[in-house]
Amino acid sequence: MGYRSRHHDQYGCIGMAGVRRKPRKRGRALGKLLYGLSLAFLGFGLFSLGWAVWPAPTVGIQMTIPAGALPGSPSGESYASLGAYELSISWPKWLRVGDVGKIEVTLAAVEAATGEGVDREGQIVLVAPSIINLSLDPPGHTQANLAPDQDLSLTWEVEGQKRGTYPGEIVVSFGFYNEALEELVNVPVAVVDLAVQVMDLWGMGVGLALWFGVVGLVLWGALFVLGRMVMARRN
């Protein structure tokens, strides 16, 4: 009887130890699952935030407009630039949905005006940007009167509203008043073709991407702490 009692107690202890190990294994499995989920939300949050805040690249061109006769003058007319100018144009290569980019046009005088072939002291400049299906602010073209050695800097804002690729152009012209016609004649000095690509992230714009990025980081922190608490209780 004594042998059976000891034998029974021995196996009873073994059974209880086995029962105690199962909760520990389950706790470790739950902790690992929470850790895995936290890492997944961390990756999602960082990727979303990175996509939302990564600066959009710009495309730019530079060219020199020489002084003298303009080759784009209408047939039978002769118009000349007051001086030489350095023209710089830049625009966003791509935008996120909800993003606002800038189109910048700068016209800088290279040398003093000569006044040859023109009867005006100022150079009339017209800049007309346009992008199909994308609105610009301010809308329409801009006109300015440049004095000798004066520089011009213009900026337009363009907002990405819907995913796609949008072509456009920027036309820079010099204006000359035709006394016979009693009207302003625009002579193009530069025509630049451009294209702006608007992108989204799984159908989300920049605002939603930022929001989901923050939520992902919050969930990562909560699940990470919860996983540590579960592991600590089971050890």
Protein backbone atom coordinates (compact mmCIF):
# COMPACT_ATOMS: atom_id res chain seq x y z
CA MET A 1 0.00 0.00 0.00
CA GLY A 2 2.85 2.31 0.79
CA TYR A 3 4.42 1.64 -2.64
CA ARG A 4 1.18 2.41 -4.48
CA SER A 5 0.68 5.63 -2.57
CA ARG A 6 4.17 6.86 -3.43
CA HIS A 7 3.71 5.76 -7.02
CA HIS A 8 0.37 7.52 -7.21
CA ASP A 9 1.80 10.72 -5.66
CA GLN A 10 4.71 10.69 -8.10
CA TYR A 11 2.51 10.52 -11.17
CA GLY A 12 0.13 13.01 -9.67
CA CYS A 13 2.98 15.53 -9.35
CA ILE A 14 4.05 14.86 -12.91
CA GLY A 15 0.50 15.45 -14.11
CA MET A 16 0.24 18.73 -12.25
CA ALA A 17 3.57 19.88 -13.71
CA GLY A 18 2.28 19.10 -17.19
CA VAL A 19 -0.86 21.10 -16.53
CA ARG A 20 1.24 24.04 -15.34
CA ARG A 21 3.45 24.00 -18.44
CA LYS A 22 0.51 24.38 -20.86
CA PRO A 23 -0.49 27.88 -19.69
CA ARG A 24 3.14 28.95 -19.95
CA LYS A 25 3.35 27.73 -23.56
CA ARG A 26 0.09 29.44 -24.41
CA GLY A 27 1.28 32.67 -22.80
CA ARG A 28 4.51 32.62 -24.76
CA ALA A 29 2.63 31.93 -27.99
CA LEU A 30 0.27 34.84 -27.30
CA GLY A 31 3.20 37.10 -26.49
CA LYS A 32 4.96 36.17 -29.74
CA LEU A 33 1.75 36.81 -31.68
CA LEU A 34 1.41 40.26 -30.13
CA TYR A 35 5.06 41.01 -30.91
CA GLY A 36 4.53 39.94 -34.53
CA LEU A 37 1.43 42.10 -34.90
CA SER A 38 3.23 45.06 -33.34
CA LEU A 39 6.07 44.75 -35.88
CA ALA A 40 3.56 44.55 -38.72
CA PHE A 41 1.85 47.75 -37.56
CA LEU A 42 5.26 49.38 -37.08
CA GLY A 43 6.22 48.62 -40.68
CA PHE A 44 2.86 49.80 -42.00
CA GLY A 45 2.99 53.02 -39.95
CA LEU A 46 6.54 53.91 -40.97
CA PHE A 47 5.86 53.15 -44.64
CA SER A 48 2.68 55.26 -44.67
CA LEU A 49 4.35 58.20 -42.92
CA GLY A 50 7.40 57.97 -45.15
CA TRP A 51 5.27 58.00 -48.29
CA ALA A 52 3.24 60.95 -47.00
CA VAL A 53 6.14 63.20 -46.00
CA TRP A 54 8.83 62.24 -48.55
CA PRO A 55 9.62 65.45 -50.51
CA ALA A 56 8.46 65.38 -54.10
CA PRO A 57 11.24 65.89 -56.67
CA THR A 58 11.17 68.80 -59.08
CA VAL A 59 12.09 69.11 -62.74
CA GLY A 60 13.83 72.24 -63.94
CA ILE A 61 15.17 73.78 -67.14
CA GLN A 62 17.30 76.81 -67.83
CA MET A 63 17.83 78.72 -71.05
CA THR A 64 19.18 82.05 -72.22
CA ILE A 65 17.06 84.44 -74.26
CA PRO A 66 19.52 86.57 -76.23
CA ALA A 67 19.07 90.26 -76.93
CA GLY A 68 18.01 91.30 -80.40
CA ALA A 69 15.53 90.07 -82.97
CA LEU A 70 13.11 87.36 -81.87
CA PRO A 71 12.70 84.42 -84.27
CA GLY A 72 9.09 83.91 -83.15
CA SER A 73 7.96 87.27 -84.49
CA PRO A 74 4.90 87.23 -86.78
CA SER A 75 5.53 87.13 -90.51
CA GLY A 76 6.37 90.54 -91.88
CA GLU A 77 7.10 91.97 -88.43
CA SER A 78 10.36 92.46 -86.58
CA TYR A 79 10.42 92.54 -82.80
CA ALA A 80 13.50 92.48 -80.59
CA SER A 81 14.24 91.71 -76.98
CA LEU A 82 15.48 94.66 -74.94
CA GLY A 83 18.30 92.60 -73.46
CA ALA A 84 19.53 89.12 -72.65
CA TYR A 85 17.67 87.15 -69.98
CA GLU A 86 18.25 83.92 -68.11
CA LEU A 87 15.01 81.94 -67.93
CA SER A 88 14.51 79.26 -65.24
CA ILE A 89 11.40 77.09 -64.96
CA SER A 90 10.70 74.35 -62.41
CA TRP A 91 7.68 72.15 -61.62
CA PRO A 92 6.94 69.06 -59.50
CA LYS A 93 7.76 65.72 -61.13
CA TRP A 94 5.00 64.03 -59.14
CA LEU A 95 2.47 64.82 -56.45
CA ARG A 96 0.48 62.79 -53.96
CA VAL A 97 -3.30 63.07 -54.02
CA GLY A 98 -4.02 66.08 -51.82
CA ASP A 99 -0.52 67.51 -52.21
CA VAL A 100 0.15 71.07 -53.36
CA GLY A 101 3.15 71.69 -55.59
CA LYS A 102 4.69 74.84 -57.04
CA ILE A 103 5.47 75.95 -60.57
CA GLU A 104 8.16 78.62 -60.52
CA VAL A 105 9.28 80.87 -63.36
CA THR A 106 12.23 83.23 -62.99
CA LEU A 107 13.47 85.70 -65.60
CA ALA A 108 16.75 87.38 -64.68
CA ALA A 109 18.46 90.09 -66.67
CA VAL A 110 21.93 89.16 -67.88
CA GLU A 111 22.98 92.54 -69.24
CA ALA A 112 21.65 96.07 -69.47
CA ALA A 113 19.03 96.79 -72.08
CA THR A 114 20.30 98.26 -75.34
CA GLY A 115 17.07 99.77 -76.55
CA GLU A 116 17.85 98.89 -80.20
CA GLY A 117 14.87 98.09 -82.37
CA VAL A 118 12.25 98.94 -79.72
CA ASP A 119 10.48 102.11 -78.75
CA ARG A 120 9.74 101.16 -75.14
CA GLU A 121 11.82 101.40 -72.01
CA GLY A 122 10.22 98.37 -70.38
CA GLN A 123 9.99 94.77 -71.54
CA ILE A 124 6.48 93.36 -71.34
CA VAL A 125 6.54 89.71 -70.26
CA LEU A 126 3.60 87.31 -70.34
CA VAL A 127 3.78 83.87 -68.71
CA ALA A 128 0.95 81.40 -69.28
CA PRO A 129 1.14 77.98 -67.56
CA SER A 130 -1.52 75.35 -68.19
CA ILE A 131 -1.97 71.71 -67.12
CA ILE A 132 -4.84 69.65 -68.50
CA ASN A 133 -7.42 68.77 -65.79
CA LEU A 134 -5.38 70.35 -62.99
CA SER A 135 -6.24 73.77 -61.62
CA LEU A 136 -3.60 76.41 -61.04
CA ASP A 137 -3.63 79.17 -58.44
CA PRO A 138 -3.67 81.94 -59.57
CA PRO A 139 -5.52 80.94 -62.76
CA GLY A 140 -4.75 82.34 -66.20
CA HIS A 141 -1.62 84.10 -67.39
CA THR A 142 0.45 86.76 -65.66
CA GLN A 143 1.73 89.95 -67.28
CA ALA A 144 4.56 92.13 -66.01
CA ASN A 145 6.53 95.12 -67.28
CA LEU A 146 10.28 94.73 -66.67
CA ALA A 147 12.57 97.71 -66.45
CA PRO A 148 16.21 97.32 -67.54
CA ASP A 149 18.18 95.04 -65.20
CA GLN A 150 14.99 94.06 -63.34
CA ASP A 151 14.28 90.39 -62.47
CA LEU A 152 10.94 88.63 -62.45
CA SER A 153 9.88 85.74 -60.22
CA LEU A 154 6.44 84.12 -60.50
CA THR A 155 4.89 81.17 -58.63
CA TRP A 156 1.76 79.09 -59.20
CA GLU A 157 0.33 76.39 -56.95
CA VAL A 158 -1.00 73.14 -58.38
CA GLU A 159 -2.94 70.54 -56.35
CA GLY A 160 -3.01 66.82 -57.06
CA GLN A 161 -6.69 65.89 -57.01
CA LYS A 162 -6.93 62.52 -58.76
CA ARG A 163 -4.45 59.80 -59.68
CA GLY A 164 -3.09 60.08 -63.21
CA THR A 165 -0.53 61.76 -65.47
CA TYR A 166 -1.35 65.30 -66.53
CA PRO A 167 0.44 67.00 -69.45
CA GLY A 168 0.78 70.73 -69.82
CA GLU A 169 2.97 73.55 -71.01
CA ILE A 170 4.41 76.89 -69.97
CA VAL A 171 4.54 79.64 -72.59
CA VAL A 172 6.75 82.67 -71.98
CA SER A 173 6.18 85.58 -74.37
CA PHE A 174 7.39 89.13 -74.84
CA GLY A 175 4.72 91.70 -75.61
CA PHE A 176 5.01 94.59 -78.04
CA TYR A 177 2.44 97.24 -78.76
CA ASN A 178 1.56 97.47 -82.45
CA GLU A 179 0.48 101.04 -83.18
CA ALA A 180 -1.00 100.16 -86.56
CA LEU A 181 -3.20 97.43 -85.08
CA GLU A 182 -3.58 99.26 -81.76
CA GLU A 183 -3.11 96.03 -79.85
CA LEU A 184 -0.48 94.08 -77.94
CA VAL A 185 1.35 91.46 -79.99
CA ASN A 186 2.71 88.49 -78.04
CA VAL A 187 5.89 86.91 -79.37
CA PRO A 188 6.71 83.50 -77.80
CA VAL A 189 10.30 83.22 -76.59
CA ALA A 190 10.00 79.84 -74.83
CA VAL A 191 7.49 76.99 -74.88
CA VAL A 192 8.20 74.25 -72.32
CA ASP A 193 6.25 70.99 -72.28
CA LEU A 194 5.75 69.36 -68.90
CA ALA A 195 3.92 66.50 -67.20
CA VAL A 196 2.89 66.04 -63.57
CA GLN A 197 2.14 62.57 -62.20
CA VAL A 198 -0.35 62.33 -59.33
CA MET A 199 -0.08 59.21 -57.16
CA ASP A 200 -1.97 57.61 -54.29
CA LEU A 201 -1.18 54.89 -51.74
CA TRP A 202 -3.68 52.02 -52.01
CA GLY A 203 -6.33 54.58 -52.91
CA MET A 204 -5.33 56.94 -50.08
CA GLY A 205 -4.24 60.53 -50.40
CA VAL A 206 -1.62 62.28 -48.30
CA GLY A 207 -4.08 63.09 -45.48
CA LEU A 208 -5.29 59.51 -44.98
CA ALA A 209 -1.74 58.17 -45.30
CA LEU A 210 -0.61 60.44 -42.46
CA TRP A 211 -3.57 59.40 -40.31
CA PHE A 212 -3.05 55.68 -40.87
CA GLY A 213 0.68 56.10 -40.28
CA VAL A 214 0.06 57.61 -36.85
CA VAL A 215 -2.53 54.93 -36.03
CA GLY A 216 -0.05 52.23 -37.04
CA LEU A 217 2.59 53.59 -34.67
CA VAL A 218 0.07 53.86 -31.83
CA LEU A 219 -1.03 50.24 -32.33
CA TRP A 220 2.60 49.14 -32.52
CA GLY A 221 3.32 50.71 -29.13
CA ALA A 222 0.16 49.30 -27.53
CA LEU A 223 0.70 45.74 -28.82
CA PHE A 224 4.38 45.79 -27.92
CA VAL A 225 3.65 46.78 -24.31
CA LEU A 226 0.80 44.26 -24.09
CA GLY A 227 3.07 41.51 -25.42
CA ARG A 228 5.70 42.27 -22.80
CA MET A 229 3.09 42.21 -20.06
CA VAL A 230 1.80 38.81 -21.19
CA MET A 231 5.33 37.35 -21.36
CA ALA A 232 6.20 38.75 -17.93
CA ARG A 233 3.12 37.23 -16.31
CA ARG A 234 3.73 33.77 -17.77
CA ASN A 235 7.40 33.57 -16.82
